[in-house]
């Protein structure tokens, strides 16, 4: 309700939120996925940000293209 009140666009995922977020990332509809859950990798996310809401840690950015090139 609060997002709607401020006119901020949002969507409700019909299935797993991680699957929906990974899809948005894969189709370049967002800059990446903010999560501490590793399920987004299984759904094909390319850009993942971890520890975003932890004040005691720095945010970590993972790019699947860079990771694949280092293997």
PDB file of N, CA and C in Angstrom:
ATOM      1  N   UNK A   1       0.821  -1.191   0.000  1.00  0.00           N
ATOM      2  CA  UNK A   1       0.000   0.000   0.000  1.00  0.00           C
ATOM      3  C   UNK A   1       0.866   1.256   0.000  1.00  0.00           C
ATOM      4  N   UNK A   2       1.928   1.263   0.762  1.00  0.00           N
ATOM      5  CA  UNK A   2       2.791   2.438   0.861  1.00  0.00           C
ATOM      6  C   UNK A   2       3.457   2.752  -0.477  1.00  0.00           C
ATOM      7  N   UNK A   3       3.914   1.725  -1.187  1.00  0.00           N
ATOM      8  CA  UNK A   3       4.530   1.953  -2.491  1.00  0.00           C
ATOM      9  C   UNK A   3       3.536   2.587  -3.455  1.00  0.00           C
ATOM     10  N   UNK A   4       2.327   2.077  -3.468  1.00  0.00           N
ATOM     11  CA  UNK A   4       1.282   2.627  -4.330  1.00  0.00           C
ATOM     12  C   UNK A   4       0.993   4.083  -3.963  1.00  0.00           C
ATOM     13  N   UNK A   5       0.963   4.372  -2.678  1.00  0.00           N
ATOM     14  CA  UNK A   5       0.689   5.722  -2.198  1.00  0.00           C
ATOM     15  C   UNK A   5       1.718   6.728  -2.719  1.00  0.00           C
ATOM     16  N   UNK A   6       2.975   6.298  -2.790  1.00  0.00           N
ATOM     17  CA  UNK A   6       4.040   7.172  -3.276  1.00  0.00           C
ATOM     18  C   UNK A   6       4.274   7.055  -4.783  1.00  0.00           C
ATOM     19  N   UNK A   7       3.479   6.249  -5.460  1.00  0.00           N
ATOM     20  CA  UNK A   7       3.609   6.107  -6.906  1.00  0.00           C
ATOM     21  C   UNK A   7       4.815   5.316  -7.348  1.00  0.00           C
ATOM     22  N   UNK A   8       5.317   4.456  -6.481  1.00  0.00           N
ATOM     23  CA  UNK A   8       6.482   3.638  -6.805  1.00  0.00           C
ATOM     24  C   UNK A   8       5.999   2.342  -7.449  1.00  0.00           C
ATOM     25  N   UNK A   9       6.477   2.042  -8.665  1.00  0.00           N
ATOM     26  CA  UNK A   9       6.027   0.815  -9.326  1.00  0.00           C
ATOM     27  C   UNK A   9       6.546  -0.428  -8.606  1.00  0.00           C
ATOM     28  N   UNK A  10       5.743  -1.455  -8.580  1.00  0.00           N
ATOM     29  CA  UNK A  10       6.128  -2.722  -7.965  1.00  0.00           C
ATOM     30  C   UNK A  10       5.338  -3.835  -8.635  1.00  0.00           C
ATOM     31  N   UNK A  11       5.741  -5.059  -8.405  1.00  0.00           N
ATOM     32  CA  UNK A  11       4.980  -6.198  -8.903  1.00  0.00           C
ATOM     33  C   UNK A  11       4.935  -7.267  -7.838  1.00  0.00           C
ATOM     34  N   UNK A  12       3.937  -8.099  -7.944  1.00  0.00           N
ATOM     35  CA  UNK A  12       3.777  -9.228  -7.036  1.00  0.00           C
ATOM     36  C   UNK A  12       4.120 -10.474  -7.837  1.00  0.00           C
ATOM     37  N   UNK A  13       5.091 -11.214  -7.380  1.00  0.00           N
ATOM     38  CA  UNK A  13       5.541 -12.400  -8.098  1.00  0.00           C
ATOM     39  C   UNK A  13       4.507 -13.511  -8.008  1.00  0.00           C
ATOM     40  N   UNK A  14       4.156 -14.118  -9.144  1.00  0.00           N
ATOM     41  CA  UNK A  14       3.192 -15.220  -9.116  1.00  0.00           C
ATOM     42  C   UNK A  14       3.797 -16.520  -8.576  1.00  0.00           C
ATOM     43  N   UNK A  15       5.131 -16.579  -8.509  1.00  0.00           N
ATOM     44  CA  UNK A  15       5.812 -17.784  -8.009  1.00  0.00           C
ATOM     45  C   UNK A  15       6.909 -17.352  -7.043  1.00  0.00           C
ATOM     46  N   UNK A  16       8.048 -18.021  -7.117  1.00  0.00           N
ATOM     47  CA  UNK A  16       9.206 -17.694  -6.278  1.00  0.00           C
ATOM     48  C   UNK A  16       9.689 -16.276  -6.570  1.00  0.00           C
ATOM     49  N   UNK A  17       9.926 -15.508  -5.546  1.00  0.00           N
ATOM     50  CA  UNK A  17      10.427 -14.143  -5.739  1.00  0.00           C
ATOM     51  C   UNK A  17      11.807 -14.161  -6.397  1.00  0.00           C
ATOM     52  N   UNK A  18      12.648 -15.126  -6.044  1.00  0.00           N
ATOM     53  CA  UNK A  18      13.987 -15.197  -6.631  1.00  0.00           C
ATOM     54  C   UNK A  18      13.912 -15.446  -8.131  1.00  0.00           C
ATOM     55  N   UNK A  19      12.976 -16.285  -8.558  1.00  0.00           N
ATOM     56  CA  UNK A  19      12.803 -16.552  -9.988  1.00  0.00           C
ATOM     57  C   UNK A  19      12.371 -15.286 -10.715  1.00  0.00           C
ATOM     58  N   UNK A  20      11.462 -14.557 -10.133  1.00  0.00           N
ATOM     59  CA  UNK A  20      10.985 -13.311 -10.740  1.00  0.00           C
ATOM     60  C   UNK A  20      12.106 -12.281 -10.816  1.00  0.00           C
ATOM     61  N   UNK A  21      12.872 -12.149  -9.757  1.00  0.00           N
ATOM     62  CA  UNK A  21      13.985 -11.190  -9.734  1.00  0.00           C
ATOM     63  C   UNK A  21      15.059 -11.572 -10.745  1.00  0.00           C
ATOM     64  N   UNK A  22      15.365 -12.856 -10.857  1.00  0.00           N
ATOM     65  CA  UNK A  22      16.353 -13.313 -11.832  1.00  0.00           C
ATOM     66  C   UNK A  22      15.876 -13.016 -13.250  1.00  0.00           C
ATOM     67  N   UNK A  23      14.593 -13.212 -13.507  1.00  0.00           N
ATOM     68  CA  UNK A  23      14.028 -12.910 -14.826  1.00  0.00           C
ATOM     69  C   UNK A  23      14.173 -11.419 -15.143  1.00  0.00           C
ATOM     70  N   UNK A  24      13.868 -10.571 -14.179  1.00  0.00           N
ATOM     71  CA  UNK A  24      14.005  -9.125 -14.383  1.00  0.00           C
ATOM     72  C   UNK A  24      15.454  -8.758 -14.688  1.00  0.00           C
ATOM     73  N   UNK A  25      16.393  -9.426 -14.029  1.00  0.00           N
ATOM     74  CA  UNK A  25      17.813  -9.184 -14.270  1.00  0.00           C
ATOM     75  C   UNK A  25      18.208  -9.669 -15.661  1.00  0.00           C
ATOM     76  N   UNK A  26      17.780 -10.864 -16.022  1.00  0.00           N
ATOM     77  CA  UNK A  26      18.125 -11.438 -17.327  1.00  0.00           C
ATOM     78  C   UNK A  26      17.579 -10.626 -18.488  1.00  0.00           C
ATOM     79  N   UNK A  27      16.443  -9.997 -18.293  1.00  0.00           N
ATOM     80  CA  UNK A  27      15.818  -9.212 -19.358  1.00  0.00           C
ATOM     81  C   UNK A  27      16.165  -7.724 -19.255  1.00  0.00           C
ATOM     82  N   UNK A  28      17.180  -7.420 -18.456  1.00  0.00           N
ATOM     83  CA  UNK A  28      17.681  -6.045 -18.293  1.00  0.00           C
ATOM     84  C   UNK A  28      16.611  -5.046 -17.862  1.00  0.00           C
ATOM     85  N   UNK A  29      15.707  -5.499 -17.027  1.00  0.00           N
ATOM     86  CA  UNK A  29      14.687  -4.608 -16.486  1.00  0.00           C
ATOM     87  C   UNK A  29      15.092  -4.060 -15.119  1.00  0.00           C
ATOM     88  N   UNK A  30      16.269  -4.480 -14.642  1.00  0.00           N
ATOM     89  CA  UNK A  30      16.797  -3.979 -13.373  1.00  0.00           C
ATOM     90  C   UNK A  30      18.322  -4.026 -13.445  1.00  0.00           C
ATOM     91  N   UNK A  31      18.964  -3.443 -12.464  1.00  0.00           N
ATOM     92  CA  UNK A  31      20.431  -3.423 -12.435  1.00  0.00           C
ATOM     93  C   UNK A  31      21.023  -4.640 -11.753  1.00  0.00           C
ATOM     94  N   UNK A  32      20.212  -5.413 -11.075  1.00  0.00           N
ATOM     95  CA  UNK A  32      20.685  -6.594 -10.379  1.00  0.00           C
ATOM     96  C   UNK A  32      19.700  -7.014  -9.316  1.00  0.00           C
ATOM     97  N   UNK A  33      20.045  -8.086  -8.626  1.00  0.00           N
ATOM     98  CA  UNK A  33      19.181  -8.658  -7.598  1.00  0.00           C
ATOM     99  C   UNK A  33      19.850  -8.477  -6.240  1.00  0.00           C
ATOM    100  N   UNK A  34      19.121  -7.901  -5.307  1.00  0.00           N
ATOM    101  CA  UNK A  34      19.613  -7.749  -3.936  1.00  0.00           C
ATOM    102  C   UNK A  34      19.053  -8.904  -3.127  1.00  0.00           C
ATOM    103  N   UNK A  35      19.924  -9.812  -2.691  1.00  0.00           N
ATOM    104  CA  UNK A  35      19.475 -10.976  -1.930  1.00  0.00           C
ATOM    105  C   UNK A  35      20.650 -11.617  -1.214  1.00  0.00           C
ATOM    106  N   UNK A  36      20.365 -12.325  -0.152  1.00  0.00           N
ATOM    107  CA  UNK A  36      21.364 -13.170   0.496  1.00  0.00           C
ATOM    108  C   UNK A  36      21.061 -14.638   0.212  1.00  0.00           C
ATOM    109  N   UNK A  37      20.086 -14.880  -0.634  1.00  0.00           N
ATOM    110  CA  UNK A  37      19.654 -16.230  -0.993  1.00  0.00           C
ATOM    111  C   UNK A  37      20.356 -16.646  -2.284  1.00  0.00           C
ATOM    112  N   UNK A  38      20.883 -17.843  -2.334  1.00  0.00           N
ATOM    113  CA  UNK A  38      21.613 -18.296  -3.518  1.00  0.00           C
ATOM    114  C   UNK A  38      20.710 -18.865  -4.608  1.00  0.00           C
ATOM    115  N   UNK A  39      19.416 -18.937  -4.379  1.00  0.00           N
ATOM    116  CA  UNK A  39      18.495 -19.462  -5.391  1.00  0.00           C
ATOM    117  C   UNK A  39      18.522 -18.656  -6.687  1.00  0.00           C
ATOM    118  N   UNK A  40      18.831 -17.375  -6.613  1.00  0.00           N
ATOM    119  CA  UNK A  40      18.820 -16.551  -7.825  1.00  0.00           C
ATOM    120  C   UNK A  40      19.814 -17.061  -8.864  1.00  0.00           C
ATOM    121  N   UNK A  41      20.904 -17.695  -8.418  1.00  0.00           N
ATOM    122  CA  UNK A  41      21.868 -18.255  -9.369  1.00  0.00           C
ATOM    123  C   UNK A  41      21.231 -19.391 -10.154  1.00  0.00           C
ATOM    124  N   UNK A  42      20.429 -20.210  -9.493  1.00  0.00           N
ATOM    125  CA  UNK A  42      19.766 -21.322 -10.175  1.00  0.00           C
ATOM    126  C   UNK A  42      18.790 -20.833 -11.233  1.00  0.00           C
ATOM    127  N   UNK A  43      18.224 -19.664 -11.020  1.00  0.00           N
ATOM    128  CA  UNK A  43      17.273 -19.094 -11.969  1.00  0.00           C
ATOM    129  C   UNK A  43      17.952 -18.220 -13.024  1.00  0.00           C
ATOM    130  N   UNK A  44      19.271 -18.098 -12.964  1.00  0.00           N
ATOM    131  CA  UNK A  44      20.022 -17.424 -14.015  1.00  0.00           C
ATOM    132  C   UNK A  44      20.329 -15.956 -13.830  1.00  0.00           C
ATOM    133  N   UNK A  45      20.277 -15.457 -12.618  1.00  0.00           N
ATOM    134  CA  UNK A  45      20.601 -14.044 -12.389  1.00  0.00           C
ATOM    135  C   UNK A  45      22.049 -13.764 -12.791  1.00  0.00           C
ATOM    136  N   UNK A  46      22.288 -12.600 -13.341  1.00  0.00           N
ATOM    137  CA  UNK A  46      23.631 -12.226 -13.781  1.00  0.00           C
ATOM    138  C   UNK A  46      24.354 -11.322 -12.790  1.00  0.00           C
ATOM    139  N   UNK A  47      23.610 -10.437 -12.156  1.00  0.00           N
ATOM    140  CA  UNK A  47      24.189  -9.478 -11.212  1.00  0.00           C
ATOM    141  C   UNK A  47      23.504  -9.642  -9.860  1.00  0.00           C
ATOM    142  N   UNK A  48      24.288 -10.029  -8.866  1.00  0.00           N
ATOM    143  CA  UNK A  48      23.728 -10.286  -7.536  1.00  0.00           C
ATOM    144  C   UNK A  48      24.480  -9.434  -6.514  1.00  0.00           C
ATOM    145  N   UNK A  49      23.721  -8.784  -5.657  1.00  0.00           N
ATOM    146  CA  UNK A  49      24.275  -7.968  -4.575  1.00  0.00           C
ATOM    147  C   UNK A  49      23.916  -8.621  -3.250  1.00  0.00           C
ATOM    148  N   UNK A  50      24.931  -8.895  -2.433  1.00  0.00           N
ATOM    149  CA  UNK A  50      24.712  -9.533  -1.132  1.00  0.00           C
ATOM    150  C   UNK A  50      25.112  -8.586  -0.013  1.00  0.00           C
ATOM    151  N   UNK A  51      24.579  -8.840   1.166  1.00  0.00           N
ATOM    152  CA  UNK A  51      24.859  -8.070   2.390  1.00  0.00           C
ATOM    153  C   UNK A  51      24.421  -6.610   2.260  1.00  0.00           C
ATOM    154  N   UNK A  52      23.398  -6.354   1.468  1.00  0.00           N
ATOM    155  CA  UNK A  52      22.941  -4.992   1.210  1.00  0.00           C
ATOM    156  C   UNK A  52      22.385  -4.313   2.456  1.00  0.00           C
ATOM    157  N   UNK A  53      21.740  -5.079   3.305  1.00  0.00           N
ATOM    158  CA  UNK A  53      21.087  -4.499   4.474  1.00  0.00           C
ATOM    159  C   UNK A  53      21.842  -4.759   5.774  1.00  0.00           C
ATOM    160  N   UNK A  54      23.066  -5.233   5.685  1.00  0.00           N
ATOM    161  CA  UNK A  54      23.878  -5.493   6.881  1.00  0.00           C
ATOM    162  C   UNK A  54      24.855  -4.346   7.085  1.00  0.00           C
ATOM    163  N   UNK A  55      24.669  -3.619   8.136  1.00  0.00           N
ATOM    164  CA  UNK A  55      25.515  -2.450   8.376  1.00  0.00           C
ATOM    165  C   UNK A  55      26.947  -2.823   8.724  1.00  0.00           C
ATOM    166  N   UNK A  56      27.151  -4.022   9.257  1.00  0.00           N
ATOM    167  CA  UNK A  56      28.494  -4.405   9.680  1.00  0.00           C
ATOM    168  C   UNK A  56      29.330  -4.991   8.539  1.00  0.00           C
ATOM    169  N   UNK A  57      28.750  -5.124   7.336  1.00  0.00           N
ATOM    170  CA  UNK A  57      29.486  -5.686   6.212  1.00  0.00           C
ATOM    171  C   UNK A  57      29.347  -4.790   4.988  1.00  0.00           C
ATOM    172  N   UNK A  58      30.330  -4.877   4.113  1.00  0.00           N
ATOM    173  CA  UNK A  58      30.257  -4.169   2.843  1.00  0.00           C
ATOM    174  C   UNK A  58      29.376  -4.950   1.878  1.00  0.00           C
ATOM    175  N   UNK A  59      28.744  -4.247   0.972  1.00  0.00           N
ATOM    176  CA  UNK A  59      27.930  -4.899  -0.053  1.00  0.00           C
ATOM    177  C   UNK A  59      28.869  -5.611  -1.018  1.00  0.00           C
ATOM    178  N   UNK A  60      28.527  -6.849  -1.366  1.00  0.00           N
ATOM    179  CA  UNK A  60      29.306  -7.622  -2.329  1.00  0.00           C
ATOM    180  C   UNK A  60      28.516  -7.710  -3.627  1.00  0.00           C
ATOM    181  N   UNK A  61      29.197  -7.465  -4.756  1.00  0.00           N
ATOM    182  CA  UNK A  61      28.559  -7.567  -6.072  1.00  0.00           C
ATOM    183  C   UNK A  61      29.170  -8.748  -6.811  1.00  0.00           C
ATOM    184  N   UNK A  62      28.323  -9.618  -7.316  1.00  0.00           N
ATOM    185  CA  UNK A  62      28.763 -10.770  -8.093  1.00  0.00           C
ATOM    186  C   UNK A  62      28.221 -10.633  -9.509  1.00  0.00           C
ATOM    187  N   UNK A  63      29.092 -10.787 -10.488  1.00  0.00           N
ATOM    188  CA  UNK A  63      28.722 -10.716 -11.900  1.00  0.00           C
ATOM    189  C   UNK A  63      29.022 -12.084 -12.509  1.00  0.00           C
ATOM    190  N   UNK A  64      28.004 -12.774 -12.996  1.00  0.00           N
ATOM    191  CA  UNK A  64      28.188 -14.144 -13.482  1.00  0.00           C
ATOM    192  C   UNK A  64      29.127 -14.207 -14.684  1.00  0.00           C
ATOM    193  N   UNK A  65      29.191 -13.162 -15.493  1.00  0.00           N
ATOM    194  CA  UNK A  65      30.100 -13.150 -16.640  1.00  0.00           C
ATOM    195  C   UNK A  65      31.548 -13.151 -16.171  1.00  0.00           C
ATOM    196  N   UNK A  66      31.861 -12.331 -15.193  1.00  0.00           N
ATOM    197  CA  UNK A  66      33.221 -12.278 -14.648  1.00  0.00           C
ATOM    198  C   UNK A  66      33.574 -13.598 -13.975  1.00  0.00           C
ATOM    199  N   UNK A  67      32.632 -14.151 -13.226  1.00  0.00           N
ATOM    200  CA  UNK A  67      32.871 -15.430 -12.548  1.00  0.00           C
ATOM    201  C   UNK A  67      33.135 -16.528 -13.568  1.00  0.00           C
ATOM    202  N   UNK A  68      32.340 -16.592 -14.634  1.00  0.00           N
ATOM    203  CA  UNK A  68      32.509 -17.622 -15.666  1.00  0.00           C
ATOM    204  C   UNK A  68      33.859 -17.484 -16.365  1.00  0.00           C
ATOM    205  N   UNK A  69      34.313 -16.268 -16.593  1.00  0.00           N
ATOM    206  CA  UNK A  69      35.605 -16.049 -17.254  1.00  0.00           C
ATOM    207  C   UNK A  69      36.784 -16.435 -16.374  1.00  0.00           C
ATOM    208  N   UNK A  70      36.582 -16.469 -15.064  1.00  0.00           N
ATOM    209  CA  UNK A  70      37.658 -16.829 -14.142  1.00  0.00           C
ATOM    210  C   UNK A  70      37.745 -18.332 -13.902  1.00  0.00           C
ATOM    211  N   UNK A  71      36.797 -19.090 -14.418  1.00  0.00           N
ATOM    212  CA  UNK A  71      36.823 -20.551 -14.225  1.00  0.00           C
ATOM    213  C   UNK A  71      37.759 -21.218 -15.191  1.00  0.00           C
TER     214      UNK A  71
END
